[in-house]
């Protein structure tokens, strides 16, 4: 009778599979939870599974464990199903308004008149590396541009006009005093650049073309760090790509002029969110007024 009860209970919580009853009880053959097909609502399914656990003390340990796993997985699925992006946006703004905007009327009163940021910041679009959080920038402090791998292309009025417009506006109109380019650990864009075959084969419409902006950095890393494994080479490339972007900034005439006049400084940075560290450096470009 005990064996029959176990088999009946298992039929109530598991989809059909081709393993034996003994294998199922030991957990050797158990389909992935995400493949479970049920017409019941998530809440009803969870309630039913919990009832099995509470009312059937004869349920085997292995089967009981699986029921608990199913319950947890279904509960997690319920959380995902109930996520409301609109509500998240509204709640986020309400929090900002209450905790920041309404508590700093003087700051936001000044910002309503205009902006005069000290920094222009290039950062990666990666959701883990927002400069406002990492460097605690307050509203009005930093004029930001974010893109894949925080790269700055060389001056090109047609190909990269959007980037050129941002740099021109920051340097000429906002008169920022510092341009900071930030790389970061575990950067997918840098990994993508490092993975591009030597023959230049591409697999996307835009990504490879974009990250190839810093191909000179890749060439340098592969030459100087060929004894290191792939992940270590990527770590080096994260910083070398920043240096290439800093060099590319000097191809913009108004940036070069401001650097020569010492009204603008170019800085490189690297944020390691694995170690919780930030590295900052300046490059000596040895710039002169002599035309080359």
C-alpha atoms as a PDB file:
ATOM      1  CA  UNK A   1       0.000   0.000   0.000  1.00  0.00           C
ATOM      2  CA  UNK A   2       2.825   2.374   0.867  1.00  0.00           C
ATOM      3  CA  UNK A   3       4.430   1.868  -2.548  1.00  0.00           C
ATOM      4  CA  UNK A   4       1.112   2.504  -4.305  1.00  0.00           C
ATOM      5  CA  UNK A   5       0.649   5.759  -2.379  1.00  0.00           C
ATOM      6  CA  UNK A   6       4.102   6.954  -3.400  1.00  0.00           C
ATOM      7  CA  UNK A   7       3.434   6.173  -7.031  1.00  0.00           C
ATOM      8  CA  UNK A   8       0.063   7.959  -6.939  1.00  0.00           C
ATOM      9  CA  UNK A   9       1.572  11.022  -5.295  1.00  0.00           C
ATOM     10  CA  UNK A  10       4.396  11.195  -7.799  1.00  0.00           C
ATOM     11  CA  UNK A  11       1.942  11.102 -10.699  1.00  0.00           C
ATOM     12  CA  UNK A  12       0.307  14.180  -9.197  1.00  0.00           C
ATOM     13  CA  UNK A  13       3.469  16.286  -9.283  1.00  0.00           C
ATOM     14  CA  UNK A  14       5.661  15.008 -12.110  1.00  0.00           C
ATOM     15  CA  UNK A  15       5.152  14.997 -15.879  1.00  0.00           C
ATOM     16  CA  UNK A  16       5.397  11.762 -17.799  1.00  0.00           C
ATOM     17  CA  UNK A  17       8.944  10.529 -18.387  1.00  0.00           C
ATOM     18  CA  UNK A  18      10.684   7.364 -19.454  1.00  0.00           C
ATOM     19  CA  UNK A  19      12.556   6.534 -16.249  1.00  0.00           C
ATOM     20  CA  UNK A  20      11.614   3.793 -13.807  1.00  0.00           C
ATOM     21  CA  UNK A  21       9.815   4.520 -10.567  1.00  0.00           C
ATOM     22  CA  UNK A  22      12.989   3.709  -8.632  1.00  0.00           C
ATOM     23  CA  UNK A  23      15.007   6.179 -10.711  1.00  0.00           C
ATOM     24  CA  UNK A  24      12.408   8.861 -10.147  1.00  0.00           C
ATOM     25  CA  UNK A  25      12.453   8.344  -6.400  1.00  0.00           C
ATOM     26  CA  UNK A  26      16.231   8.647  -6.357  1.00  0.00           C
ATOM     27  CA  UNK A  27      16.069  11.799  -8.480  1.00  0.00           C
ATOM     28  CA  UNK A  28      18.028  10.290 -11.347  1.00  0.00           C
ATOM     29  CA  UNK A  29      15.380  10.954 -13.978  1.00  0.00           C
ATOM     30  CA  UNK A  30      13.480  14.170 -13.406  1.00  0.00           C
ATOM     31  CA  UNK A  31      12.530  16.582 -16.229  1.00  0.00           C
ATOM     32  CA  UNK A  32      13.409  20.246 -15.828  1.00  0.00           C
ATOM     33  CA  UNK A  33      10.851  22.175 -13.841  1.00  0.00           C
ATOM     34  CA  UNK A  34      10.367  24.693 -16.626  1.00  0.00           C
ATOM     35  CA  UNK A  35       8.918  21.924 -18.824  1.00  0.00           C
ATOM     36  CA  UNK A  36       6.098  21.071 -16.434  1.00  0.00           C
ATOM     37  CA  UNK A  37       2.771  21.454 -18.172  1.00  0.00           C
ATOM     38  CA  UNK A  38      -0.210  22.287 -16.006  1.00  0.00           C
ATOM     39  CA  UNK A  39      -3.592  23.898 -16.528  1.00  0.00           C
ATOM     40  CA  UNK A  40      -3.744  25.091 -12.947  1.00  0.00           C
ATOM     41  CA  UNK A  41      -2.766  28.595 -11.975  1.00  0.00           C
ATOM     42  CA  UNK A  42       0.647  28.918 -10.337  1.00  0.00           C
ATOM     43  CA  UNK A  43      -0.959  29.623  -6.978  1.00  0.00           C
ATOM     44  CA  UNK A  44      -3.117  26.491  -7.166  1.00  0.00           C
ATOM     45  CA  UNK A  45      -0.142  24.372  -8.175  1.00  0.00           C
ATOM     46  CA  UNK A  46       1.917  25.650  -5.259  1.00  0.00           C
ATOM     47  CA  UNK A  47      -0.939  25.055  -2.836  1.00  0.00           C
ATOM     48  CA  UNK A  48      -1.411  21.532  -4.149  1.00  0.00           C
ATOM     49  CA  UNK A  49       2.257  20.668  -3.779  1.00  0.00           C
ATOM     50  CA  UNK A  50       2.378  22.054  -0.257  1.00  0.00           C
ATOM     51  CA  UNK A  51      -0.690  19.994   0.614  1.00  0.00           C
ATOM     52  CA  UNK A  52       1.065  16.850  -0.588  1.00  0.00           C
ATOM     53  CA  UNK A  53       3.920  17.519   1.781  1.00  0.00           C
ATOM     54  CA  UNK A  54       1.701  18.223   4.779  1.00  0.00           C
ATOM     55  CA  UNK A  55      -0.806  15.385   4.342  1.00  0.00           C
ATOM     56  CA  UNK A  56       1.369  12.500   3.198  1.00  0.00           C
ATOM     57  CA  UNK A  57       3.972  11.541   5.726  1.00  0.00           C
ATOM     58  CA  UNK A  58       4.738   8.366   3.743  1.00  0.00           C
ATOM     59  CA  UNK A  59       6.135  10.376   0.840  1.00  0.00           C
ATOM     60  CA  UNK A  60       9.717   9.243   0.277  1.00  0.00           C
ATOM     61  CA  UNK A  61      12.558  11.607   1.147  1.00  0.00           C
ATOM     62  CA  UNK A  62      13.773  11.877  -2.450  1.00  0.00           C
ATOM     63  CA  UNK A  63      10.267  12.542  -3.746  1.00  0.00           C
ATOM     64  CA  UNK A  64       9.584  15.039  -0.962  1.00  0.00           C
ATOM     65  CA  UNK A  65      12.752  16.913  -1.885  1.00  0.00           C
ATOM     66  CA  UNK A  66      11.616  17.100  -5.488  1.00  0.00           C
ATOM     67  CA  UNK A  67       8.222  18.419  -4.427  1.00  0.00           C
ATOM     68  CA  UNK A  68       9.935  21.178  -2.438  1.00  0.00           C
ATOM     69  CA  UNK A  69      12.063  22.055  -5.461  1.00  0.00           C
ATOM     70  CA  UNK A  70       8.963  22.214  -7.645  1.00  0.00           C
ATOM     71  CA  UNK A  71       7.211  24.439  -5.115  1.00  0.00           C
ATOM     72  CA  UNK A  72      10.144  26.853  -4.984  1.00  0.00           C
ATOM     73  CA  UNK A  73      10.462  26.919  -8.770  1.00  0.00           C
ATOM     74  CA  UNK A  74       6.771  27.585  -9.260  1.00  0.00           C
ATOM     75  CA  UNK A  75       6.901  30.360  -6.677  1.00  0.00           C
ATOM     76  CA  UNK A  76       9.833  31.923  -8.517  1.00  0.00           C
ATOM     77  CA  UNK A  77       7.884  31.662 -11.745  1.00  0.00           C
ATOM     78  CA  UNK A  78       5.001  33.503 -10.109  1.00  0.00           C
ATOM     79  CA  UNK A  79       7.318  36.366  -9.141  1.00  0.00           C
ATOM     80  CA  UNK A  80       8.516  36.692 -12.726  1.00  0.00           C
ATOM     81  CA  UNK A  81       4.980  36.626 -14.077  1.00  0.00           C
ATOM     82  CA  UNK A  82       3.853  39.431 -11.753  1.00  0.00           C
ATOM     83  CA  UNK A  83       6.722  41.840 -12.561  1.00  0.00           C
ATOM     84  CA  UNK A  84       5.245  45.106 -13.797  1.00  0.00           C
ATOM     85  CA  UNK A  85       7.813  47.286 -15.613  1.00  0.00           C
ATOM     86  CA  UNK A  86       5.507  50.319 -15.624  1.00  0.00           C
ATOM     87  CA  UNK A  87       5.012  50.068 -11.890  1.00  0.00           C
ATOM     88  CA  UNK A  88       8.772  49.673 -11.379  1.00  0.00           C
ATOM     89  CA  UNK A  89       9.372  52.892 -13.315  1.00  0.00           C
ATOM     90  CA  UNK A  90       6.685  54.779 -11.401  1.00  0.00           C
ATOM     91  CA  UNK A  91       7.928  53.519  -8.048  1.00  0.00           C
ATOM     92  CA  UNK A  92      11.496  54.420  -8.952  1.00  0.00           C
ATOM     93  CA  UNK A  93      10.562  57.985  -9.784  1.00  0.00           C
ATOM     94  CA  UNK A  94       8.432  58.355  -6.668  1.00  0.00           C
ATOM     95  CA  UNK A  95      11.405  57.240  -4.564  1.00  0.00           C
ATOM     96  CA  UNK A  96      13.710  59.701  -6.350  1.00  0.00           C
ATOM     97  CA  UNK A  97      11.224  62.539  -5.983  1.00  0.00           C
ATOM     98  CA  UNK A  98      10.695  61.908  -2.281  1.00  0.00           C
ATOM     99  CA  UNK A  99      14.279  61.116  -1.272  1.00  0.00           C
ATOM    100  CA  UNK A 100      16.219  63.398  -3.636  1.00  0.00           C
ATOM    101  CA  UNK A 101      14.242  66.029  -5.492  1.00  0.00           C
ATOM    102  CA  UNK A 102      12.076  67.263  -2.620  1.00  0.00           C
ATOM    103  CA  UNK A 103      14.971  67.171  -0.131  1.00  0.00           C
ATOM    104  CA  UNK A 104      17.304  69.264  -2.319  1.00  0.00           C
ATOM    105  CA  UNK A 105      15.281  72.240  -3.570  1.00  0.00           C
ATOM    106  CA  UNK A 106      18.334  74.520  -3.839  1.00  0.00           C
ATOM    107  CA  UNK A 107      20.237  72.052  -6.023  1.00  0.00           C
ATOM    108  CA  UNK A 108      17.360  71.404  -8.387  1.00  0.00           C
ATOM    109  CA  UNK A 109      16.515  75.088  -8.440  1.00  0.00           C
ATOM    110  CA  UNK A 110      20.005  75.828  -9.758  1.00  0.00           C
ATOM    111  CA  UNK A 111      19.848  72.964 -12.251  1.00  0.00           C
ATOM    112  CA  UNK A 112      16.630  74.427 -13.642  1.00  0.00           C
ATOM    113  CA  UNK A 113      18.687  77.443 -14.727  1.00  0.00           C
ATOM    114  CA  UNK A 114      21.317  75.415 -16.592  1.00  0.00           C
ATOM    115  CA  UNK A 115      24.244  73.025 -16.228  1.00  0.00           C
ATOM    116  CA  UNK A 116      27.987  73.497 -15.862  1.00  0.00           C
ATOM    117  CA  UNK A 117      29.454  70.028 -15.240  1.00  0.00           C
ATOM    118  CA  UNK A 118      33.153  69.650 -14.468  1.00  0.00           C
ATOM    119  CA  UNK A 119      33.338  66.221 -16.091  1.00  0.00           C
ATOM    120  CA  UNK A 120      32.513  64.542 -19.332  1.00  0.00           C
ATOM    121  CA  UNK A 121      32.415  60.787 -18.735  1.00  0.00           C
ATOM    122  CA  UNK A 122      32.541  57.933 -21.221  1.00  0.00           C
ATOM    123  CA  UNK A 123      31.305  54.715 -19.636  1.00  0.00           C
ATOM    124  CA  UNK A 124      30.090  51.323 -20.766  1.00  0.00           C
ATOM    125  CA  UNK A 125      26.384  50.635 -21.223  1.00  0.00           C
ATOM    126  CA  UNK A 126      26.769  47.620 -18.920  1.00  0.00           C
ATOM    127  CA  UNK A 127      24.017  47.745 -16.280  1.00  0.00           C
ATOM    128  CA  UNK A 128      26.529  47.056 -13.495  1.00  0.00           C
ATOM    129  CA  UNK A 129      28.762  50.087 -13.962  1.00  0.00           C
ATOM    130  CA  UNK A 130      26.657  53.259 -13.799  1.00  0.00           C
ATOM    131  CA  UNK A 131      29.125  56.120 -13.066  1.00  0.00           C
ATOM    132  CA  UNK A 132      26.556  57.996 -10.982  1.00  0.00           C
ATOM    133  CA  UNK A 133      26.586  55.095  -8.533  1.00  0.00           C
ATOM    134  CA  UNK A 134      30.225  54.037  -8.784  1.00  0.00           C
ATOM    135  CA  UNK A 135      31.662  57.572  -8.456  1.00  0.00           C
ATOM    136  CA  UNK A 136      28.715  59.130  -6.627  1.00  0.00           C
ATOM    137  CA  UNK A 137      28.190  61.831  -9.237  1.00  0.00           C
ATOM    138  CA  UNK A 138      25.357  64.151  -8.313  1.00  0.00           C
ATOM    139  CA  UNK A 139      22.976  65.751 -10.841  1.00  0.00           C
ATOM    140  CA  UNK A 140      24.816  68.447 -12.767  1.00  0.00           C
ATOM    141  CA  UNK A 141      28.315  67.078 -12.074  1.00  0.00           C
ATOM    142  CA  UNK A 142      28.966  64.913 -15.118  1.00  0.00           C
ATOM    143  CA  UNK A 143      27.934  65.023 -18.775  1.00  0.00           C
ATOM    144  CA  UNK A 144      27.787  61.344 -19.716  1.00  0.00           C
ATOM    145  CA  UNK A 145      28.021  59.219 -22.826  1.00  0.00           C
ATOM    146  CA  UNK A 146      27.535  55.464 -22.517  1.00  0.00           C
ATOM    147  CA  UNK A 147      28.115  52.879 -25.210  1.00  0.00           C
ATOM    148  CA  UNK A 148      29.482  49.379 -25.714  1.00  0.00           C
ATOM    149  CA  UNK A 149      32.863  49.146 -23.926  1.00  0.00           C
ATOM    150  CA  UNK A 150      32.998  52.943 -23.334  1.00  0.00           C
ATOM    151  CA  UNK A 151      34.868  53.515 -26.591  1.00  0.00           C
ATOM    152  CA  UNK A 152      35.649  56.847 -28.231  1.00  0.00           C
ATOM    153  CA  UNK A 153      36.071  56.696 -32.020  1.00  0.00           C
ATOM    154  CA  UNK A 154      38.464  58.994 -33.890  1.00  0.00           C
ATOM    155  CA  UNK A 155      37.196  62.219 -35.446  1.00  0.00           C
ATOM    156  CA  UNK A 156      34.868  61.501 -38.374  1.00  0.00           C
ATOM    157  CA  UNK A 157      32.140  63.963 -39.299  1.00  0.00           C
ATOM    158  CA  UNK A 158      30.069  61.383 -41.169  1.00  0.00           C
ATOM    159  CA  UNK A 159      30.663  58.029 -39.524  1.00  0.00           C
ATOM    160  CA  UNK A 160      30.507  59.043 -35.869  1.00  0.00           C
ATOM    161  CA  UNK A 161      28.653  62.352 -35.959  1.00  0.00           C
ATOM    162  CA  UNK A 162      26.596  61.517 -32.883  1.00  0.00           C
ATOM    163  CA  UNK A 163      29.709  60.958 -30.812  1.00  0.00           C
ATOM    164  CA  UNK A 164      31.367  64.041 -32.259  1.00  0.00           C
ATOM    165  CA  UNK A 165      28.340  66.163 -31.393  1.00  0.00           C
ATOM    166  CA  UNK A 166      28.457  65.045 -27.756  1.00  0.00           C
ATOM    167  CA  UNK A 167      32.183  65.784 -27.419  1.00  0.00           C
ATOM    168  CA  UNK A 168      31.863  69.131 -29.189  1.00  0.00           C
ATOM    169  CA  UNK A 169      28.967  70.203 -26.989  1.00  0.00           C
ATOM    170  CA  UNK A 170      30.751  69.197 -23.794  1.00  0.00           C
ATOM    171  CA  UNK A 171      34.078  70.846 -24.647  1.00  0.00           C
ATOM    172  CA  UNK A 172      32.997  73.983 -26.506  1.00  0.00           C
ATOM    173  CA  UNK A 173      29.620  74.840 -24.983  1.00  0.00           C
ATOM    174  CA  UNK A 174      29.702  73.315 -21.490  1.00  0.00           C
ATOM    175  CA  UNK A 175      33.457  73.857 -21.178  1.00  0.00           C
ATOM    176  CA  UNK A 176      34.041  70.728 -19.113  1.00  0.00           C
ATOM    177  CA  UNK A 177      37.449  70.642 -17.443  1.00  0.00           C
ATOM    178  CA  UNK A 178      37.942  66.877 -17.446  1.00  0.00           C
ATOM    179  CA  UNK A 179      37.142  64.012 -19.786  1.00  0.00           C
ATOM    180  CA  UNK A 180      37.179  60.629 -18.069  1.00  0.00           C
ATOM    181  CA  UNK A 181      37.024  57.339 -19.982  1.00  0.00           C
ATOM    182  CA  UNK A 182      36.169  54.366 -17.755  1.00  0.00           C
ATOM    183  CA  UNK A 183      36.762  50.704 -18.577  1.00  0.00           C
ATOM    184  CA  UNK A 184      35.571  47.915 -16.307  1.00  0.00           C
ATOM    185  CA  UNK A 185      36.051  44.288 -15.348  1.00  0.00           C
ATOM    186  CA  UNK A 186      34.243  41.460 -17.152  1.00  0.00           C
ATOM    187  CA  UNK A 187      33.388  43.720 -20.099  1.00  0.00           C
ATOM    188  CA  UNK A 188      31.437  41.893 -22.792  1.00  0.00           C
ATOM    189  CA  UNK A 189      32.452  44.387 -25.460  1.00  0.00           C
ATOM    190  CA  UNK A 190      36.132  43.856 -24.721  1.00  0.00           C
ATOM    191  CA  UNK A 191      35.659  40.089 -24.741  1.00  0.00           C
ATOM    192  CA  UNK A 192      33.926  40.451 -28.088  1.00  0.00           C
ATOM    193  CA  UNK A 193      36.827  42.476 -29.492  1.00  0.00           C
ATOM    194  CA  UNK A 194      39.322  39.912 -28.255  1.00  0.00           C
ATOM    195  CA  UNK A 195      37.262  37.131 -29.884  1.00  0.00           C
ATOM    196  CA  UNK A 196      37.084  38.584 -33.397  1.00  0.00           C
ATOM    197  CA  UNK A 197      38.964  36.225 -35.760  1.00  0.00           C
ATOM    198  CA  UNK A 198      42.110  37.525 -37.408  1.00  0.00           C
ATOM    199  CA  UNK A 199      40.392  37.300 -40.789  1.00  0.00           C
ATOM    200  CA  UNK A 200      37.879  39.906 -39.618  1.00  0.00           C
ATOM    201  CA  UNK A 201      34.830  37.654 -39.889  1.00  0.00           C
ATOM    202  CA  UNK A 202      31.790  39.284 -38.277  1.00  0.00           C
ATOM    203  CA  UNK A 203      28.650  37.768 -36.798  1.00  0.00           C
ATOM    204  CA  UNK A 204      26.582  40.868 -36.069  1.00  0.00           C
ATOM    205  CA  UNK A 205      25.363  43.979 -37.840  1.00  0.00           C
ATOM    206  CA  UNK A 206      27.023  46.513 -35.570  1.00  0.00           C
ATOM    207  CA  UNK A 207      28.975  45.106 -32.622  1.00  0.00           C
ATOM    208  CA  UNK A 208      32.220  43.975 -34.237  1.00  0.00           C
ATOM    209  CA  UNK A 209      32.433  47.117 -36.336  1.00  0.00           C
ATOM    210  CA  UNK A 210      32.025  49.230 -33.212  1.00  0.00           C
ATOM    211  CA  UNK A 211      34.492  47.460 -30.911  1.00  0.00           C
ATOM    212  CA  UNK A 212      37.106  47.406 -33.682  1.00  0.00           C
ATOM    213  CA  UNK A 213      37.554  51.088 -32.842  1.00  0.00           C
ATOM    214  CA  UNK A 214      40.018  49.802 -30.256  1.00  0.00           C
ATOM    215  CA  UNK A 215      41.658  47.184 -32.467  1.00  0.00           C
ATOM    216  CA  UNK A 216      45.087  48.837 -31.940  1.00  0.00           C
ATOM    217  CA  UNK A 217      44.751  48.018 -28.239  1.00  0.00           C
ATOM    218  CA  UNK A 218      43.978  44.397 -29.075  1.00  0.00           C
ATOM    219  CA  UNK A 219      47.052  44.205 -31.314  1.00  0.00           C
ATOM    220  CA  UNK A 220      49.230  45.546 -28.508  1.00  0.00           C
ATOM    221  CA  UNK A 221      47.835  43.146 -25.909  1.00  0.00           C
ATOM    222  CA  UNK A 222      48.216  40.114 -28.174  1.00  0.00           C
ATOM    223  CA  UNK A 223      51.806  41.128 -28.858  1.00  0.00           C
ATOM    224  CA  UNK A 224      52.824  41.876 -25.276  1.00  0.00           C
ATOM    225  CA  UNK A 225      50.660  39.357 -23.400  1.00  0.00           C
ATOM    226  CA  UNK A 226      50.614  36.329 -25.707  1.00  0.00           C
ATOM    227  CA  UNK A 227      51.765  34.126 -22.824  1.00  0.00           C
ATOM    228  CA  UNK A 228      48.641  34.900 -20.791  1.00  0.00           C
ATOM    229  CA  UNK A 229      45.315  33.109 -21.010  1.00  0.00           C
ATOM    230  CA  UNK A 230      42.274  34.644 -22.685  1.00  0.00           C
ATOM    231  CA  UNK A 231      40.681  36.105 -19.539  1.00  0.00           C
ATOM    232  CA  UNK A 232      43.932  37.764 -18.475  1.00  0.00           C
ATOM    233  CA  UNK A 233      44.399  39.226 -21.934  1.00  0.00           C
ATOM    234  CA  UNK A 234      40.884  40.651 -21.715  1.00  0.00           C
ATOM    235  CA  UNK A 235      41.744  42.251 -18.367  1.00  0.00           C
ATOM    236  CA  UNK A 236      44.728  43.982 -19.950  1.00  0.00           C
ATOM    237  CA  UNK A 237      42.659  44.994 -22.962  1.00  0.00           C
ATOM    238  CA  UNK A 238      40.059  46.649 -20.720  1.00  0.00           C
ATOM    239  CA  UNK A 239      42.700  49.236 -19.798  1.00  0.00           C
ATOM    240  CA  UNK A 240      44.512  49.469 -23.117  1.00  0.00           C
ATOM    241  CA  UNK A 241      41.225  50.199 -24.874  1.00  0.00           C
ATOM    242  CA  UNK A 242      40.782  53.170 -22.545  1.00  0.00           C
ATOM    243  CA  UNK A 243      44.185  54.481 -23.620  1.00  0.00           C
ATOM    244  CA  UNK A 244      43.266  54.150 -27.295  1.00  0.00           C
ATOM    245  CA  UNK A 245      40.055  56.094 -26.643  1.00  0.00           C
ATOM    246  CA  UNK A 246      42.038  58.815 -24.873  1.00  0.00           C
ATOM    247  CA  UNK A 247      44.318  59.029 -27.890  1.00  0.00           C
ATOM    248  CA  UNK A 248      41.326  59.180 -30.219  1.00  0.00           C
ATOM    249  CA  UNK A 249      39.996  62.166 -28.286  1.00  0.00           C
ATOM    250  CA  UNK A 250      43.020  64.133 -29.439  1.00  0.00           C
ATOM    251  CA  UNK A 251      41.934  63.722 -33.065  1.00  0.00           C
ATOM    252  CA  UNK A 252      39.112  66.176 -32.310  1.00  0.00           C
ATOM    253  CA  UNK A 253      40.605  69.642 -32.994  1.00  0.00           C
ATOM    254  CA  UNK A 254      38.693  71.371 -30.196  1.00  0.00           C
ATOM    255  CA  UNK A 255      39.796  68.713 -27.682  1.00  0.00           C
ATOM    256  CA  UNK A 256      43.425  69.001 -28.716  1.00  0.00           C
ATOM    257  CA  UNK A 257      43.289  72.779 -28.492  1.00  0.00           C
ATOM    258  CA  UNK A 258      41.770  72.682 -25.011  1.00  0.00           C
ATOM    259  CA  UNK A 259      44.409  70.199 -23.829  1.00  0.00           C
ATOM    260  CA  UNK A 260      47.186  72.411 -25.245  1.00  0.00           C
ATOM    261  CA  UNK A 261      45.667  75.411 -23.470  1.00  0.00           C
ATOM    262  CA  UNK A 262      45.517  73.386 -20.255  1.00  0.00           C
ATOM    263  CA  UNK A 263      41.804  74.017 -19.874  1.00  0.00           C
ATOM    264  CA  UNK A 264      41.010  70.333 -20.351  1.00  0.00           C
ATOM    265  CA  UNK A 265      42.527  67.189 -18.826  1.00  0.00           C
ATOM    266  CA  UNK A 266      42.089  63.655 -20.163  1.00  0.00           C
ATOM    267  CA  UNK A 267      41.914  60.831 -17.639  1.00  0.00           C
ATOM    268  CA  UNK A 268      41.581  57.073 -17.810  1.00  0.00           C
ATOM    269  CA  UNK A 269      39.858  54.890 -15.247  1.00  0.00           C
ATOM    270  CA  UNK A 270      39.118  51.221 -14.627  1.00  0.00           C
ATOM    271  CA  UNK A 271      36.394  49.942 -12.309  1.00  0.00           C
ATOM    272  CA  UNK A 272      36.756  46.382 -11.049  1.00  0.00           C
ATOM    273  CA  UNK A 273      33.409  45.354  -9.567  1.00  0.00           C
ATOM    274  CA  UNK A 274      34.762  41.905  -8.714  1.00  0.00           C
ATOM    275  CA  UNK A 275      37.408  43.330  -6.377  1.00  0.00           C
ATOM    276  CA  UNK A 276      35.585  46.551  -5.550  1.00  0.00           C
ATOM    277  CA  UNK A 277      38.440  48.784  -6.738  1.00  0.00           C
ATOM    278  CA  UNK A 278      38.910  51.785  -9.016  1.00  0.00           C
ATOM    279  CA  UNK A 279      42.123  52.773 -10.794  1.00  0.00           C
ATOM    280  CA  UNK A 280      42.671  56.287 -12.143  1.00  0.00           C
ATOM    281  CA  UNK A 281      45.496  57.488 -14.389  1.00  0.00           C
ATOM    282  CA  UNK A 282      46.652  60.344 -16.602  1.00  0.00           C
ATOM    283  CA  UNK A 283      48.501  59.964 -19.882  1.00  0.00           C
ATOM    284  CA  UNK A 284      51.437  62.105 -20.914  1.00  0.00           C
ATOM    285  CA  UNK A 285      50.788  62.682 -24.591  1.00  0.00           C
ATOM    286  CA  UNK A 286      53.849  64.905 -25.076  1.00  0.00           C
ATOM    287  CA  UNK A 287      51.733  67.229 -27.181  1.00  0.00           C
ATOM    288  CA  UNK A 288      53.420  70.164 -28.858  1.00  0.00           C
ATOM    289  CA  UNK A 289      52.169  72.974 -31.049  1.00  0.00           C
ATOM    290  CA  UNK A 290      54.406  71.846 -33.899  1.00  0.00           C
ATOM    291  CA  UNK A 291      52.421  70.508 -36.844  1.00  0.00           C
ATOM    292  CA  UNK A 292      53.382  67.008 -37.942  1.00  0.00           C
END
